[in-house]
Amino acid sequence: MFSKFFKKKAAPIRVLEHPKDLKKGDMLQLMDSFALPPQLKGQTLHLIDVNTYQYEYQNEYEYVLKGDSGGTVFLVVENNDGEEWANFSIKITRKDVENLFGLDQFAEIFDSEDLVTIKRLKDVDGFERWTTETYVQESHPSTGYFYETDYRGKTVPKDVEDGGEPVECINLSDPDDSFSIGIEVWDDGETDISLTLSRPLSDIVDLFPGK
């Protein structure tokens, strides 16, 4: 009889209704669509971390995901005039930049005082459906702060020295805003280049809570 009083109640099952509900260890499943690159098509990705970018007027949360193949994919959920988009990104190397765009052409982004347009030289194996033919620089570089911390629902520290790392951001995109190139220049001069694919949020067909 007494065992009834000491029996532990089962923890309630978390219900995930939106990618913004994801926590470390949770998973998302993507549509099996030919519009998606191999790294995304029909894949189940595991959330391993959430980072925060602080800009002048808003914060942006970056979901760090890993697939079964071990590759890393980054997700940012964007709200554009009430319509939500899933922006998936992968980082590329200097060699990839050379093969896709050419180093001389890419250097114009940093050397020119004007906003530039660059052309893809060729489609490269491994980057199928990650790139398009033409990219236009949207604006001059902007500065933000990067935190390797999940600040969703929290206040970002006012003192940026409390874990914040300054970063200069440059973005180029195609006329339809379906493909973009993200450039992040860090204080030590290190530069990260990312290819981004913007897809309807409905491409994420299921969300699973972790154990």
C-alpha atoms as a PDB file:
ATOM      1  CA  MET A   1       0.000   0.000   0.000  1.00  0.00           C
ATOM      2  CA  PHE A   2       2.804   2.388   0.930  1.00  0.00           C
ATOM      3  CA  SER A   3       4.530   1.832  -2.422  1.00  0.00           C
ATOM      4  CA  LYS A   4       1.750   3.816  -4.087  1.00  0.00           C
ATOM      5  CA  PHE A   5       2.843   6.939  -2.234  1.00  0.00           C
ATOM      6  CA  PHE A   6       6.526   6.606  -3.162  1.00  0.00           C
ATOM      7  CA  LYS A   7       6.160   5.596  -6.779  1.00  0.00           C
ATOM      8  CA  LYS A   8       7.858   8.146  -9.005  1.00  0.00           C
ATOM      9  CA  LYS A   9       5.722   9.894 -11.553  1.00  0.00           C
ATOM     10  CA  ALA A  10       6.874   9.635 -15.132  1.00  0.00           C
ATOM     11  CA  ALA A  11       8.292  12.871 -16.513  1.00  0.00           C
ATOM     12  CA  PRO A  12       5.889  14.522 -18.959  1.00  0.00           C
ATOM     13  CA  ILE A  13       6.787  14.054 -22.600  1.00  0.00           C
ATOM     14  CA  ARG A  14       7.925  17.301 -24.194  1.00  0.00           C
ATOM     15  CA  VAL A  15       5.949  18.347 -27.227  1.00  0.00           C
ATOM     16  CA  LEU A  16       7.953  20.270 -29.828  1.00  0.00           C
ATOM     17  CA  GLU A  17       5.816  22.477 -32.051  1.00  0.00           C
ATOM     18  CA  HIS A  18       8.460  24.757 -33.550  1.00  0.00           C
ATOM     19  CA  PRO A  19      12.223  24.569 -34.222  1.00  0.00           C
ATOM     20  CA  LYS A  20      12.644  27.368 -31.679  1.00  0.00           C
ATOM     21  CA  ASP A  21      11.566  24.827 -29.019  1.00  0.00           C
ATOM     22  CA  LEU A  22      14.624  22.649 -29.684  1.00  0.00           C
ATOM     23  CA  LYS A  23      17.099  21.976 -26.897  1.00  0.00           C
ATOM     24  CA  LYS A  24      20.422  20.154 -26.903  1.00  0.00           C
ATOM     25  CA  GLY A  25      19.918  16.508 -27.760  1.00  0.00           C
ATOM     26  CA  ASP A  26      16.669  17.086 -29.674  1.00  0.00           C
ATOM     27  CA  MET A  27      16.319  16.143 -33.331  1.00  0.00           C
ATOM     28  CA  LEU A  28      14.645  17.450 -36.449  1.00  0.00           C
ATOM     29  CA  GLN A  29      13.753  15.585 -39.622  1.00  0.00           C
ATOM     30  CA  LEU A  30      13.815  17.145 -43.064  1.00  0.00           C
ATOM     31  CA  MET A  31      11.672  16.509 -46.105  1.00  0.00           C
ATOM     32  CA  ASP A  32      12.928  13.974 -48.628  1.00  0.00           C
ATOM     33  CA  SER A  33      12.933  16.544 -51.434  1.00  0.00           C
ATOM     34  CA  PHE A  34      15.171  16.843 -54.492  1.00  0.00           C
ATOM     35  CA  ALA A  35      15.286  20.593 -53.822  1.00  0.00           C
ATOM     36  CA  LEU A  36      17.481  19.887 -50.795  1.00  0.00           C
ATOM     37  CA  PRO A  37      21.212  19.079 -50.931  1.00  0.00           C
ATOM     38  CA  PRO A  38      22.410  15.615 -49.834  1.00  0.00           C
ATOM     39  CA  GLN A  39      23.400  16.945 -46.384  1.00  0.00           C
ATOM     40  CA  LEU A  40      19.730  17.814 -45.745  1.00  0.00           C
ATOM     41  CA  LYS A  41      17.550  15.644 -47.998  1.00  0.00           C
ATOM     42  CA  GLY A  42      15.536  13.268 -45.787  1.00  0.00           C
ATOM     43  CA  GLN A  43      18.071  13.624 -42.986  1.00  0.00           C
ATOM     44  CA  THR A  44      17.523  13.533 -39.240  1.00  0.00           C
ATOM     45  CA  LEU A  45      19.783  16.109 -37.595  1.00  0.00           C
ATOM     46  CA  HIS A  46      20.729  16.276 -33.911  1.00  0.00           C
ATOM     47  CA  LEU A  47      20.984  19.590 -32.067  1.00  0.00           C
ATOM     48  CA  ILE A  48      24.347  19.808 -30.332  1.00  0.00           C
ATOM     49  CA  ASP A  49      24.478  23.503 -29.413  1.00  0.00           C
ATOM     50  CA  VAL A  50      22.769  26.904 -29.652  1.00  0.00           C
ATOM     51  CA  ASN A  51      24.808  30.092 -30.140  1.00  0.00           C
ATOM     52  CA  THR A  52      23.735  33.735 -29.983  1.00  0.00           C
ATOM     53  CA  TYR A  53      24.594  36.624 -32.308  1.00  0.00           C
ATOM     54  CA  GLN A  54      23.856  40.074 -30.914  1.00  0.00           C
ATOM     55  CA  TYR A  55      23.238  42.848 -33.445  1.00  0.00           C
ATOM     56  CA  GLU A  56      22.169  46.456 -32.945  1.00  0.00           C
ATOM     57  CA  TYR A  57      18.434  45.822 -33.235  1.00  0.00           C
ATOM     58  CA  GLN A  58      17.996  42.100 -32.655  1.00  0.00           C
ATOM     59  CA  ASN A  59      19.499  38.837 -31.483  1.00  0.00           C
ATOM     60  CA  GLU A  60      19.887  35.850 -33.773  1.00  0.00           C
ATOM     61  CA  TYR A  61      20.086  32.254 -32.573  1.00  0.00           C
ATOM     62  CA  GLU A  62      22.191  29.714 -34.407  1.00  0.00           C
ATOM     63  CA  TYR A  63      21.277  26.038 -34.028  1.00  0.00           C
ATOM     64  CA  VAL A  64      24.298  23.773 -34.487  1.00  0.00           C
ATOM     65  CA  LEU A  65      23.222  20.445 -35.971  1.00  0.00           C
ATOM     66  CA  LYS A  66      24.966  17.195 -36.818  1.00  0.00           C
ATOM     67  CA  GLY A  67      23.800  14.491 -39.174  1.00  0.00           C
ATOM     68  CA  ASP A  68      24.532  10.784 -39.113  1.00  0.00           C
ATOM     69  CA  SER A  69      27.477  11.380 -41.459  1.00  0.00           C
ATOM     70  CA  GLY A  70      29.093  13.659 -38.861  1.00  0.00           C
ATOM     71  CA  GLY A  71      28.928  16.847 -40.924  1.00  0.00           C
ATOM     72  CA  THR A  72      27.904  20.085 -39.222  1.00  0.00           C
ATOM     73  CA  VAL A  73      24.947  22.140 -40.446  1.00  0.00           C
ATOM     74  CA  PHE A  74      23.883  25.491 -38.986  1.00  0.00           C
ATOM     75  CA  LEU A  75      20.256  26.644 -38.827  1.00  0.00           C
ATOM     76  CA  VAL A  76      18.833  30.140 -38.291  1.00  0.00           C
ATOM     77  CA  VAL A  77      15.056  30.633 -38.269  1.00  0.00           C
ATOM     78  CA  GLU A  78      14.234  33.936 -39.966  1.00  0.00           C
ATOM     79  CA  ASN A  79      10.951  35.841 -39.752  1.00  0.00           C
ATOM     80  CA  ASN A  80      10.468  37.969 -42.856  1.00  0.00           C
ATOM     81  CA  ASP A  81       7.259  40.034 -42.818  1.00  0.00           C
ATOM     82  CA  GLY A  82       5.448  37.332 -40.847  1.00  0.00           C
ATOM     83  CA  GLU A  83       6.708  34.473 -43.005  1.00  0.00           C
ATOM     84  CA  GLU A  84       9.248  32.106 -41.463  1.00  0.00           C
ATOM     85  CA  TRP A  85      12.198  30.580 -43.274  1.00  0.00           C
ATOM     86  CA  ALA A  86      14.760  27.950 -42.339  1.00  0.00           C
ATOM     87  CA  ASN A  87      18.226  29.189 -43.309  1.00  0.00           C
ATOM     88  CA  PHE A  88      20.614  26.223 -43.451  1.00  0.00           C
ATOM     89  CA  SER A  89      24.358  26.885 -43.731  1.00  0.00           C
ATOM     90  CA  ILE A  90      27.594  24.969 -44.126  1.00  0.00           C
ATOM     91  CA  LYS A  91      31.107  26.363 -43.762  1.00  0.00           C
ATOM     92  CA  ILE A  92      33.539  26.107 -46.657  1.00  0.00           C
ATOM     93  CA  THR A  93      37.332  26.246 -46.928  1.00  0.00           C
ATOM     94  CA  ARG A  94      39.624  28.600 -48.838  1.00  0.00           C
ATOM     95  CA  LYS A  95      40.072  25.865 -51.443  1.00  0.00           C
ATOM     96  CA  ASP A  96      36.293  25.596 -51.859  1.00  0.00           C
ATOM     97  CA  VAL A  97      36.103  29.385 -52.354  1.00  0.00           C
ATOM     98  CA  GLU A  98      38.797  29.160 -55.014  1.00  0.00           C
ATOM     99  CA  ASN A  99      36.990  26.374 -56.870  1.00  0.00           C
ATOM    100  CA  LEU A 100      33.540  27.944 -56.669  1.00  0.00           C
ATOM    101  CA  PHE A 101      34.286  31.650 -57.183  1.00  0.00           C
ATOM    102  CA  GLY A 102      37.991  32.208 -57.747  1.00  0.00           C
ATOM    103  CA  LEU A 103      40.155  33.976 -55.155  1.00  0.00           C
ATOM    104  CA  ASP A 104      40.687  37.136 -57.226  1.00  0.00           C
ATOM    105  CA  GLN A 105      36.972  37.661 -57.745  1.00  0.00           C
ATOM    106  CA  PHE A 106      36.197  36.895 -54.101  1.00  0.00           C
ATOM    107  CA  ALA A 107      38.854  39.359 -52.931  1.00  0.00           C
ATOM    108  CA  GLU A 108      36.841  42.192 -54.536  1.00  0.00           C
ATOM    109  CA  ILE A 109      34.356  41.871 -51.651  1.00  0.00           C
ATOM    110  CA  PHE A 110      37.083  43.084 -49.264  1.00  0.00           C
ATOM    111  CA  ASP A 111      39.002  45.406 -51.600  1.00  0.00           C
ATOM    112  CA  SER A 112      36.213  47.381 -53.282  1.00  0.00           C
ATOM    113  CA  GLU A 113      34.538  50.365 -51.645  1.00  0.00           C
ATOM    114  CA  ASP A 114      31.410  49.614 -53.680  1.00  0.00           C
ATOM    115  CA  LEU A 115      28.937  46.786 -53.245  1.00  0.00           C
ATOM    116  CA  VAL A 116      30.040  43.976 -55.547  1.00  0.00           C
ATOM    117  CA  THR A 117      28.493  41.220 -57.634  1.00  0.00           C
ATOM    118  CA  ILE A 118      30.243  37.870 -57.992  1.00  0.00           C
ATOM    119  CA  LYS A 119      29.608  34.914 -60.278  1.00  0.00           C
ATOM    120  CA  ARG A 120      29.975  31.227 -59.546  1.00  0.00           C
ATOM    121  CA  LEU A 121      32.651  29.768 -61.814  1.00  0.00           C
ATOM    122  CA  LYS A 122      31.208  26.251 -61.793  1.00  0.00           C
ATOM    123  CA  ASP A 123      29.130  23.842 -59.755  1.00  0.00           C
ATOM    124  CA  VAL A 124      31.446  21.770 -57.559  1.00  0.00           C
ATOM    125  CA  ASP A 125      30.900  18.213 -56.374  1.00  0.00           C
ATOM    126  CA  GLY A 126      29.831  18.145 -52.731  1.00  0.00           C
ATOM    127  CA  PHE A 127      27.983  21.463 -52.988  1.00  0.00           C
ATOM    128  CA  GLU A 128      25.060  20.400 -55.143  1.00  0.00           C
ATOM    129  CA  ARG A 129      22.034  22.661 -54.518  1.00  0.00           C
ATOM    130  CA  TRP A 130      24.010  24.867 -52.120  1.00  0.00           C
ATOM    131  CA  THR A 131      24.961  27.523 -54.675  1.00  0.00           C
ATOM    132  CA  THR A 132      23.566  29.611 -57.525  1.00  0.00           C
ATOM    133  CA  GLU A 133      25.102  31.536 -60.417  1.00  0.00           C
ATOM    134  CA  THR A 134      25.072  35.167 -59.192  1.00  0.00           C
ATOM    135  CA  TYR A 135      25.402  36.841 -55.785  1.00  0.00           C
ATOM    136  CA  VAL A 136      25.011  40.541 -54.975  1.00  0.00           C
ATOM    137  CA  GLN A 137      26.441  42.171 -51.845  1.00  0.00           C
ATOM    138  CA  GLU A 138      23.523  43.467 -49.784  1.00  0.00           C
ATOM    139  CA  SER A 139      25.258  46.136 -47.724  1.00  0.00           C
ATOM    140  CA  HIS A 140      28.566  47.257 -46.298  1.00  0.00           C
ATOM    141  CA  PRO A 141      29.992  45.225 -43.375  1.00  0.00           C
ATOM    142  CA  SER A 142      28.088  45.336 -40.087  1.00  0.00           C
ATOM    143  CA  THR A 143      29.372  44.529 -36.616  1.00  0.00           C
ATOM    144  CA  GLY A 144      27.856  42.162 -34.073  1.00  0.00           C
ATOM    145  CA  TYR A 145      28.884  40.072 -31.104  1.00  0.00           C
ATOM    146  CA  PHE A 146      29.002  36.299 -30.942  1.00  0.00           C
ATOM    147  CA  TYR A 147      28.256  34.328 -27.763  1.00  0.00           C
ATOM    148  CA  GLU A 148      28.846  30.604 -27.522  1.00  0.00           C
ATOM    149  CA  THR A 149      25.812  30.576 -25.231  1.00  0.00           C
ATOM    150  CA  ASP A 150      22.068  30.057 -25.661  1.00  0.00           C
ATOM    151  CA  TYR A 151      20.440  33.353 -24.641  1.00  0.00           C
ATOM    152  CA  ARG A 152      16.918  32.518 -25.799  1.00  0.00           C
ATOM    153  CA  GLY A 153      14.538  34.009 -23.242  1.00  0.00           C
ATOM    154  CA  LYS A 154      17.454  35.600 -21.376  1.00  0.00           C
ATOM    155  CA  THR A 155      19.191  38.964 -21.393  1.00  0.00           C
ATOM    156  CA  VAL A 156      22.515  39.138 -23.192  1.00  0.00           C
ATOM    157  CA  PRO A 157      25.156  40.616 -20.831  1.00  0.00           C
ATOM    158  CA  LYS A 158      25.626  44.366 -21.250  1.00  0.00           C
ATOM    159  CA  ASP A 159      29.359  43.899 -20.832  1.00  0.00           C
ATOM    160  CA  VAL A 160      30.367  42.280 -24.127  1.00  0.00           C
ATOM    161  CA  GLU A 161      33.611  41.163 -22.496  1.00  0.00           C
ATOM    162  CA  ASP A 162      31.481  38.619 -20.635  1.00  0.00           C
ATOM    163  CA  GLY A 163      31.934  35.971 -23.320  1.00  0.00           C
ATOM    164  CA  GLY A 164      31.091  38.168 -26.313  1.00  0.00           C
ATOM    165  CA  GLU A 165      33.373  38.108 -29.346  1.00  0.00           C
ATOM    166  CA  PRO A 166      33.136  40.957 -31.902  1.00  0.00           C
ATOM    167  CA  VAL A 167      32.562  39.886 -35.488  1.00  0.00           C
ATOM    168  CA  GLU A 168      32.233  41.803 -38.757  1.00  0.00           C
ATOM    169  CA  CYS A 169      29.586  40.354 -41.062  1.00  0.00           C
ATOM    170  CA  ILE A 170      29.177  40.606 -44.842  1.00  0.00           C
ATOM    171  CA  ASN A 171      26.317  39.017 -46.759  1.00  0.00           C
ATOM    172  CA  LEU A 172      25.735  38.407 -50.457  1.00  0.00           C
ATOM    173  CA  SER A 173      22.587  36.848 -51.865  1.00  0.00           C
ATOM    174  CA  ASP A 174      20.827  36.024 -55.111  1.00  0.00           C
ATOM    175  CA  PRO A 175      17.851  38.165 -56.270  1.00  0.00           C
ATOM    176  CA  ASP A 176      15.337  35.663 -54.836  1.00  0.00           C
ATOM    177  CA  ASP A 177      17.076  35.467 -51.434  1.00  0.00           C
ATOM    178  CA  SER A 178      17.169  31.684 -51.828  1.00  0.00           C
ATOM    179  CA  PHE A 179      20.975  31.401 -51.744  1.00  0.00           C
ATOM    180  CA  SER A 180      23.513  33.505 -49.899  1.00  0.00           C
ATOM    181  CA  ILE A 181      27.147  33.713 -48.886  1.00  0.00           C
ATOM    182  CA  GLY A 182      27.961  34.704 -45.314  1.00  0.00           C
ATOM    183  CA  ILE A 183      31.364  36.113 -44.373  1.00  0.00           C
ATOM    184  CA  GLU A 184      32.453  36.539 -40.755  1.00  0.00           C
ATOM    185  CA  VAL A 185      35.704  38.356 -39.980  1.00  0.00           C
ATOM    186  CA  TRP A 186      36.896  37.915 -36.413  1.00  0.00           C
ATOM    187  CA  ASP A 187      39.110  40.154 -34.271  1.00  0.00           C
ATOM    188  CA  ASP A 188      42.192  38.001 -34.854  1.00  0.00           C
ATOM    189  CA  GLY A 189      41.756  38.233 -38.635  1.00  0.00           C
ATOM    190  CA  GLU A 190      40.361  34.725 -39.039  1.00  0.00           C
ATOM    191  CA  THR A 191      37.611  34.601 -41.666  1.00  0.00           C
ATOM    192  CA  ASP A 192      34.736  32.101 -41.893  1.00  0.00           C
ATOM    193  CA  ILE A 193      32.840  31.635 -45.161  1.00  0.00           C
ATOM    194  CA  SER A 194      29.422  29.949 -45.265  1.00  0.00           C
ATOM    195  CA  LEU A 195      26.995  28.909 -47.986  1.00  0.00           C
ATOM    196  CA  THR A 196      23.352  29.353 -46.988  1.00  0.00           C
ATOM    197  CA  LEU A 197      20.203  27.848 -48.455  1.00  0.00           C
ATOM    198  CA  SER A 198      16.850  29.418 -47.464  1.00  0.00           C
ATOM    199  CA  ARG A 199      13.907  27.024 -47.412  1.00  0.00           C
ATOM    200  CA  PRO A 200      10.299  27.180 -46.212  1.00  0.00           C
ATOM    201  CA  LEU A 201       9.998  26.166 -42.585  1.00  0.00           C
ATOM    202  CA  SER A 202       7.660  23.387 -43.743  1.00  0.00           C
ATOM    203  CA  ASP A 203      10.722  21.514 -45.072  1.00  0.00           C
ATOM    204  CA  ILE A 204      11.235  20.523 -41.422  1.00  0.00           C
ATOM    205  CA  VAL A 205       8.652  17.762 -41.262  1.00  0.00           C
ATOM    206  CA  ASP A 206       9.121  16.522 -37.691  1.00  0.00           C
ATOM    207  CA  LEU A 207      10.709  17.395 -34.355  1.00  0.00           C
ATOM    208  CA  PHE A 208      11.763  14.859 -31.727  1.00  0.00           C
ATOM    209  CA  PRO A 209      12.662  15.486 -28.085  1.00  0.00           C
ATOM    210  CA  GLY A 210      15.935  13.956 -26.906  1.00  0.00           C
ATOM    211  CA  LYS A 211      16.133  11.343 -24.206  1.00  0.00           C
END
